[in-house]
Amino acid sequence: MSLETEFVISDAVIASVAARAAVTTSGVVRLEPGLKGLVTAWSRAARQRWKGLDPAPAEGVRVRVMSGVVSVHVDLVTSAVDQAAAVGQAVQRAVSRAVTAETGLVVDEVAVSIMDIEPEIR
């Protein structure tokens, strides 16, 4: 008799991994959830608190998992010192690598929305 074990990784965990990878990418000032992201973050945090868990920081990141394939959307603010397109591409690579490395899931898409560009502080 063979027992097969199935692991389920919650969207909140995947979002937290993606958020950490995105925010540590050079040129990213902060993650910036839009209205939809705020609603998602509030509901996720409420569910986790209800279960007695500390909410994982994932504001600005939305995750969808279908058939073991992950799609991630990241909303962020970049620095005016860096080229926004280059920062977005770096975030896509970093998030894809981190989610795959830490969860073993296949990342199909990482969409990045640049919500704002902060001017250089002098």
N, C-alpha and C. Protein backbone atom coordinates (compact mmCIF):
# COMPACT_ATOMS: atom_id res chain seq x y z
N MET A 1 0.84 -1.17 0.00
CA MET A 1 0.00 0.00 0.00
C MET A 1 0.89 1.24 0.00
N SER A 2 0.62 2.12 -0.91
CA SER A 2 1.41 3.33 -1.06
C SER A 2 0.58 4.54 -0.63
N LEU A 3 1.15 5.33 0.25
CA LEU A 3 0.47 6.55 0.68
C LEU A 3 1.07 7.73 -0.05
N GLU A 4 0.22 8.53 -0.63
CA GLU A 4 0.69 9.71 -1.35
C GLU A 4 0.36 10.94 -0.50
N THR A 5 1.34 11.78 -0.33
CA THR A 5 1.16 12.98 0.46
C THR A 5 0.99 14.17 -0.47
N GLU A 6 0.01 14.99 -0.15
CA GLU A 6 -0.22 16.19 -0.95
C GLU A 6 -0.01 17.41 -0.06
N PHE A 7 0.76 18.36 -0.56
CA PHE A 7 1.02 19.59 0.18
C PHE A 7 0.25 20.71 -0.48
N VAL A 8 -0.35 21.55 0.33
CA VAL A 8 -1.06 22.71 -0.17
C VAL A 8 -0.39 23.94 0.41
N ILE A 9 0.00 24.85 -0.47
CA ILE A 9 0.64 26.10 -0.04
C ILE A 9 -0.39 27.20 -0.26
N SER A 10 -0.74 27.89 0.80
CA SER A 10 -1.80 28.89 0.70
C SER A 10 -1.34 30.10 -0.13
N ASP A 11 -2.32 30.78 -0.70
CA ASP A 11 -2.04 31.99 -1.47
C ASP A 11 -1.33 33.03 -0.62
N ALA A 12 -1.68 33.10 0.68
CA ALA A 12 -1.05 34.09 1.56
C ALA A 12 0.44 33.84 1.70
N VAL A 13 0.84 32.58 1.75
CA VAL A 13 2.27 32.24 1.85
C VAL A 13 2.98 32.62 0.55
N ILE A 14 2.37 32.27 -0.57
CA ILE A 14 2.97 32.60 -1.87
C ILE A 14 3.09 34.12 -2.01
N ALA A 15 2.05 34.85 -1.62
CA ALA A 15 2.07 36.31 -1.71
C ALA A 15 3.16 36.90 -0.82
N SER A 16 3.36 36.33 0.35
CA SER A 16 4.40 36.81 1.25
C SER A 16 5.79 36.59 0.67
N VAL A 17 6.01 35.43 0.07
CA VAL A 17 7.30 35.14 -0.58
C VAL A 17 7.53 36.14 -1.71
N ALA A 18 6.50 36.35 -2.53
CA ALA A 18 6.61 37.29 -3.65
C ALA A 18 6.85 38.71 -3.16
N ALA A 19 6.16 39.12 -2.11
CA ALA A 19 6.32 40.48 -1.57
C ALA A 19 7.75 40.70 -1.08
N ARG A 20 8.28 39.72 -0.37
CA ARG A 20 9.66 39.85 0.15
C ARG A 20 10.65 39.96 -1.01
N ALA A 21 10.46 39.15 -2.04
CA ALA A 21 11.36 39.20 -3.20
C ALA A 21 11.25 40.54 -3.92
N ALA A 22 10.03 41.05 -4.06
CA ALA A 22 9.83 42.31 -4.78
C ALA A 22 10.42 43.49 -4.02
N VAL A 23 10.13 43.58 -2.73
CA VAL A 23 10.55 44.75 -1.96
C VAL A 23 12.05 44.80 -1.75
N THR A 24 12.73 43.68 -1.88
CA THR A 24 14.19 43.66 -1.72
C THR A 24 14.93 43.86 -3.04
N THR A 25 14.17 44.05 -4.12
CA THR A 25 14.78 44.30 -5.43
C THR A 25 15.24 45.75 -5.52
N SER A 26 16.43 45.95 -6.02
CA SER A 26 16.99 47.30 -6.15
C SER A 26 16.07 48.17 -7.00
N GLY A 27 15.82 49.38 -6.52
CA GLY A 27 14.97 50.32 -7.23
C GLY A 27 13.54 50.36 -6.74
N VAL A 28 13.13 49.35 -5.95
CA VAL A 28 11.78 49.32 -5.39
C VAL A 28 11.79 50.11 -4.09
N VAL A 29 10.95 51.13 -4.01
CA VAL A 29 10.84 51.93 -2.80
C VAL A 29 9.92 51.24 -1.80
N ARG A 30 8.76 50.78 -2.30
CA ARG A 30 7.80 50.08 -1.44
C ARG A 30 6.74 49.42 -2.32
N LEU A 31 6.03 48.48 -1.72
CA LEU A 31 4.87 47.91 -2.39
C LEU A 31 3.70 48.84 -2.12
N GLU A 32 2.83 48.98 -3.09
CA GLU A 32 1.75 49.96 -3.01
C GLU A 32 0.46 49.31 -3.50
N PRO A 33 -0.34 48.81 -2.57
CA PRO A 33 -1.57 48.16 -3.01
C PRO A 33 -2.58 49.18 -3.52
N GLY A 34 -3.21 48.86 -4.63
CA GLY A 34 -4.33 49.66 -5.11
C GLY A 34 -5.56 49.32 -4.28
N LEU A 35 -6.71 49.80 -4.68
CA LEU A 35 -7.94 49.54 -3.93
C LEU A 35 -8.24 48.05 -3.84
N LYS A 36 -8.11 47.34 -4.97
CA LYS A 36 -8.35 45.90 -4.96
C LYS A 36 -7.34 45.19 -4.05
N GLY A 37 -6.10 45.65 -4.10
CA GLY A 37 -5.07 45.06 -3.25
C GLY A 37 -5.33 45.29 -1.77
N LEU A 38 -5.84 46.48 -1.43
CA LEU A 38 -6.17 46.77 -0.03
C LEU A 38 -7.28 45.85 0.47
N VAL A 39 -8.31 45.67 -0.34
CA VAL A 39 -9.42 44.79 0.04
C VAL A 39 -8.92 43.37 0.22
N THR A 40 -8.09 42.91 -0.70
CA THR A 40 -7.53 41.56 -0.61
C THR A 40 -6.68 41.42 0.65
N ALA A 41 -5.83 42.41 0.92
CA ALA A 41 -4.95 42.35 2.10
C ALA A 41 -5.76 42.37 3.39
N TRP A 42 -6.78 43.21 3.46
CA TRP A 42 -7.62 43.27 4.66
C TRP A 42 -8.34 41.95 4.91
N SER A 43 -8.90 41.36 3.85
CA SER A 43 -9.61 40.10 4.04
C SER A 43 -8.65 38.97 4.42
N ARG A 44 -7.46 38.95 3.79
CA ARG A 44 -6.46 37.93 4.12
C ARG A 44 -6.01 38.08 5.57
N ALA A 45 -5.74 39.31 6.00
CA ALA A 45 -5.30 39.55 7.37
C ALA A 45 -6.39 39.17 8.37
N ALA A 46 -7.65 39.48 8.05
CA ALA A 46 -8.76 39.13 8.94
C ALA A 46 -8.87 37.62 9.09
N ARG A 47 -8.77 36.88 7.96
CA ARG A 47 -8.83 35.42 8.04
C ARG A 47 -7.70 34.86 8.88
N GLN A 48 -6.49 35.41 8.70
CA GLN A 48 -5.34 34.90 9.45
C GLN A 48 -5.47 35.22 10.93
N ARG A 49 -5.94 36.42 11.26
CA ARG A 49 -6.13 36.78 12.67
C ARG A 49 -7.21 35.91 13.31
N TRP A 50 -8.28 35.63 12.55
CA TRP A 50 -9.36 34.80 13.04
C TRP A 50 -8.84 33.40 13.38
N LYS A 51 -7.87 32.93 12.60
CA LYS A 51 -7.27 31.62 12.83
C LYS A 51 -6.17 31.67 13.90
N GLY A 52 -5.91 32.88 14.45
CA GLY A 52 -4.89 33.01 15.48
C GLY A 52 -3.48 33.14 14.93
N LEU A 53 -3.35 33.51 13.66
CA LEU A 53 -2.04 33.64 13.03
C LEU A 53 -1.69 35.11 12.84
N ASP A 54 -0.42 35.41 12.85
CA ASP A 54 0.02 36.76 12.50
C ASP A 54 -0.01 36.88 10.99
N PRO A 55 -0.65 37.94 10.47
CA PRO A 55 -0.71 38.09 9.02
C PRO A 55 0.67 38.24 8.39
N ALA A 56 0.91 37.52 7.32
CA ALA A 56 2.17 37.66 6.58
C ALA A 56 2.12 38.94 5.77
N PRO A 57 3.19 39.73 5.78
CA PRO A 57 3.16 40.99 5.01
C PRO A 57 3.14 40.69 3.51
N ALA A 58 2.08 41.13 2.85
CA ALA A 58 1.96 40.87 1.41
C ALA A 58 1.15 41.95 0.71
N GLU A 59 1.05 43.14 1.33
CA GLU A 59 0.31 44.21 0.70
C GLU A 59 0.94 44.54 -0.64
N GLY A 60 0.11 44.77 -1.64
CA GLY A 60 0.62 45.09 -2.96
C GLY A 60 0.85 43.88 -3.84
N VAL A 61 0.53 42.69 -3.33
CA VAL A 61 0.73 41.46 -4.10
C VAL A 61 -0.56 40.67 -4.13
N ARG A 62 -0.95 40.25 -5.32
CA ARG A 62 -2.11 39.37 -5.48
C ARG A 62 -1.63 38.10 -6.18
N VAL A 63 -2.18 36.98 -5.76
CA VAL A 63 -1.76 35.68 -6.27
C VAL A 63 -2.98 34.89 -6.73
N ARG A 64 -2.82 34.18 -7.83
CA ARG A 64 -3.85 33.26 -8.30
C ARG A 64 -3.15 31.95 -8.64
N VAL A 65 -3.67 30.86 -8.10
CA VAL A 65 -3.11 29.53 -8.38
C VAL A 65 -4.20 28.70 -9.04
N MET A 66 -3.88 28.19 -10.22
CA MET A 66 -4.81 27.31 -10.93
C MET A 66 -4.04 26.11 -11.45
N SER A 67 -4.46 24.94 -11.04
CA SER A 67 -3.83 23.68 -11.47
C SER A 67 -2.33 23.66 -11.17
N GLY A 68 -1.95 24.20 -10.03
CA GLY A 68 -0.55 24.18 -9.63
C GLY A 68 0.32 25.22 -10.31
N VAL A 69 -0.27 26.10 -11.11
CA VAL A 69 0.48 27.15 -11.81
C VAL A 69 0.12 28.49 -11.18
N VAL A 70 1.14 29.30 -10.90
CA VAL A 70 0.96 30.53 -10.16
C VAL A 70 1.04 31.75 -11.08
N SER A 71 0.11 32.69 -10.86
CA SER A 71 0.18 34.02 -11.47
C SER A 71 0.27 35.02 -10.33
N VAL A 72 1.20 35.95 -10.45
CA VAL A 72 1.43 36.95 -9.40
C VAL A 72 1.29 38.34 -10.01
N HIS A 73 0.64 39.24 -9.28
CA HIS A 73 0.55 40.64 -9.69
C HIS A 73 1.12 41.48 -8.55
N VAL A 74 2.09 42.34 -8.88
CA VAL A 74 2.76 43.18 -7.88
C VAL A 74 2.53 44.65 -8.23
N ASP A 75 2.04 45.42 -7.26
CA ASP A 75 1.90 46.87 -7.40
C ASP A 75 2.99 47.51 -6.55
N LEU A 76 3.77 48.42 -7.16
CA LEU A 76 4.90 48.97 -6.42
C LEU A 76 5.21 50.41 -6.81
N VAL A 77 6.09 51.02 -6.03
CA VAL A 77 6.61 52.36 -6.27
C VAL A 77 8.11 52.22 -6.49
N THR A 78 8.60 52.89 -7.55
CA THR A 78 10.04 52.84 -7.84
C THR A 78 10.69 54.17 -7.51
N SER A 79 11.98 54.16 -7.49
CA SER A 79 12.78 55.37 -7.29
C SER A 79 13.01 56.04 -8.63
N ALA A 80 13.01 57.37 -8.65
CA ALA A 80 13.27 58.11 -9.89
C ALA A 80 14.71 57.93 -10.35
N VAL A 81 15.56 57.45 -9.46
CA VAL A 81 16.96 57.24 -9.80
C VAL A 81 17.12 56.07 -10.77
N ASP A 82 16.19 55.12 -10.70
CA ASP A 82 16.26 53.91 -11.52
C ASP A 82 15.25 53.96 -12.66
N GLN A 83 15.55 53.26 -13.74
CA GLN A 83 14.63 53.17 -14.87
C GLN A 83 13.49 52.23 -14.49
N ALA A 84 12.26 52.72 -14.56
CA ALA A 84 11.09 51.96 -14.11
C ALA A 84 10.96 50.61 -14.82
N ALA A 85 11.16 50.58 -16.13
CA ALA A 85 11.03 49.33 -16.88
C ALA A 85 12.05 48.29 -16.41
N ALA A 86 13.27 48.74 -16.15
CA ALA A 86 14.32 47.82 -15.69
C ALA A 86 13.99 47.28 -14.30
N VAL A 87 13.46 48.14 -13.44
CA VAL A 87 13.06 47.70 -12.10
C VAL A 87 11.94 46.68 -12.20
N GLY A 88 10.96 46.95 -13.07
CA GLY A 88 9.85 46.01 -13.25
C GLY A 88 10.33 44.65 -13.71
N GLN A 89 11.25 44.62 -14.67
CA GLN A 89 11.79 43.35 -15.15
C GLN A 89 12.58 42.63 -14.06
N ALA A 90 13.34 43.38 -13.27
CA ALA A 90 14.10 42.77 -12.17
C ALA A 90 13.15 42.16 -11.13
N VAL A 91 12.04 42.84 -10.87
CA VAL A 91 11.04 42.32 -9.92
C VAL A 91 10.43 41.04 -10.48
N GLN A 92 10.11 41.03 -11.77
CA GLN A 92 9.56 39.81 -12.37
C GLN A 92 10.49 38.62 -12.19
N ARG A 93 11.77 38.83 -12.46
CA ARG A 93 12.75 37.74 -12.31
C ARG A 93 12.87 37.31 -10.85
N ALA A 94 12.99 38.28 -9.94
CA ALA A 94 13.19 37.98 -8.52
C ALA A 94 11.99 37.23 -7.94
N VAL A 95 10.80 37.69 -8.26
CA VAL A 95 9.59 37.05 -7.73
C VAL A 95 9.45 35.63 -8.28
N SER A 96 9.65 35.47 -9.58
CA SER A 96 9.54 34.15 -10.19
C SER A 96 10.52 33.17 -9.56
N ARG A 97 11.78 33.60 -9.42
CA ARG A 97 12.81 32.74 -8.81
C ARG A 97 12.45 32.39 -7.37
N ALA A 98 12.07 33.39 -6.58
CA ALA A 98 11.80 33.16 -5.16
C ALA A 98 10.60 32.24 -4.95
N VAL A 99 9.52 32.47 -5.67
CA VAL A 99 8.33 31.64 -5.49
C VAL A 99 8.63 30.19 -5.89
N THR A 100 9.32 30.01 -7.00
CA THR A 100 9.67 28.65 -7.42
C THR A 100 10.61 27.99 -6.42
N ALA A 101 11.63 28.72 -5.98
CA ALA A 101 12.62 28.15 -5.06
C ALA A 101 12.01 27.81 -3.70
N GLU A 102 11.13 28.66 -3.20
CA GLU A 102 10.62 28.46 -1.84
C GLU A 102 9.35 27.63 -1.77
N THR A 103 8.64 27.46 -2.89
CA THR A 103 7.41 26.69 -2.85
C THR A 103 7.43 25.48 -3.78
N GLY A 104 8.29 25.50 -4.79
CA GLY A 104 8.32 24.42 -5.76
C GLY A 104 7.24 24.54 -6.82
N LEU A 105 6.45 25.62 -6.78
CA LEU A 105 5.38 25.82 -7.75
C LEU A 105 5.91 26.47 -9.02
N VAL A 106 5.23 26.22 -10.12
CA VAL A 106 5.58 26.80 -11.40
C VAL A 106 4.95 28.19 -11.49
N VAL A 107 5.76 29.20 -11.80
CA VAL A 107 5.26 30.56 -11.96
C VAL A 107 5.07 30.81 -13.44
N ASP A 108 3.81 31.04 -13.81
CA ASP A 108 3.46 31.28 -15.21
C ASP A 108 3.62 32.74 -15.58
N GLU A 109 3.30 33.62 -14.64
CA GLU A 109 3.28 35.05 -14.95
C GLU A 109 3.55 35.87 -13.71
N VAL A 110 4.35 36.93 -13.88
CA VAL A 110 4.52 37.94 -12.85
C VAL A 110 4.26 39.28 -13.53
N ALA A 111 3.12 39.88 -13.21
CA ALA A 111 2.76 41.18 -13.75
C ALA A 111 3.14 42.25 -12.74
N VAL A 112 3.75 43.31 -13.21
CA VAL A 112 4.19 44.39 -12.33
C VAL A 112 3.51 45.69 -12.77
N SER A 113 2.87 46.36 -11.83
CA SER A 113 2.29 47.68 -12.09
C SER A 113 3.07 48.70 -11.28
N ILE A 114 3.60 49.70 -11.97
CA ILE A 114 4.33 50.77 -11.29
C ILE A 114 3.29 51.84 -10.96
N MET A 115 2.98 51.97 -9.69
CA MET A 115 1.92 52.87 -9.25
C MET A 115 2.39 54.31 -9.12
N ASP A 116 3.69 54.48 -8.85
CA ASP A 116 4.25 55.82 -8.68
C ASP A 116 5.76 55.73 -8.80
N ILE A 117 6.35 56.88 -9.09
CA ILE A 117 7.81 57.00 -9.12
C ILE A 117 8.16 58.12 -8.16
N GLU A 118 8.92 57.77 -7.12
CA GLU A 118 9.29 58.78 -6.13
C GLU A 118 10.48 59.57 -6.60
N PRO A 119 10.39 60.90 -6.51
CA PRO A 119 11.52 61.74 -6.95
C PRO A 119 12.72 61.55 -6.02
N GLU A 120 13.86 61.84 -6.56
CA GLU A 120 15.10 61.74 -5.80
C GLU A 120 15.10 62.80 -4.70
N ILE A 121 15.43 62.39 -3.49
CA ILE A 121 15.50 63.32 -2.37
C ILE A 121 16.87 63.97 -2.36
N ARG A 122 16.90 65.30 -2.32
CA ARG A 122 18.18 66.02 -2.35
C ARG A 122 18.48 66.63 -1.03
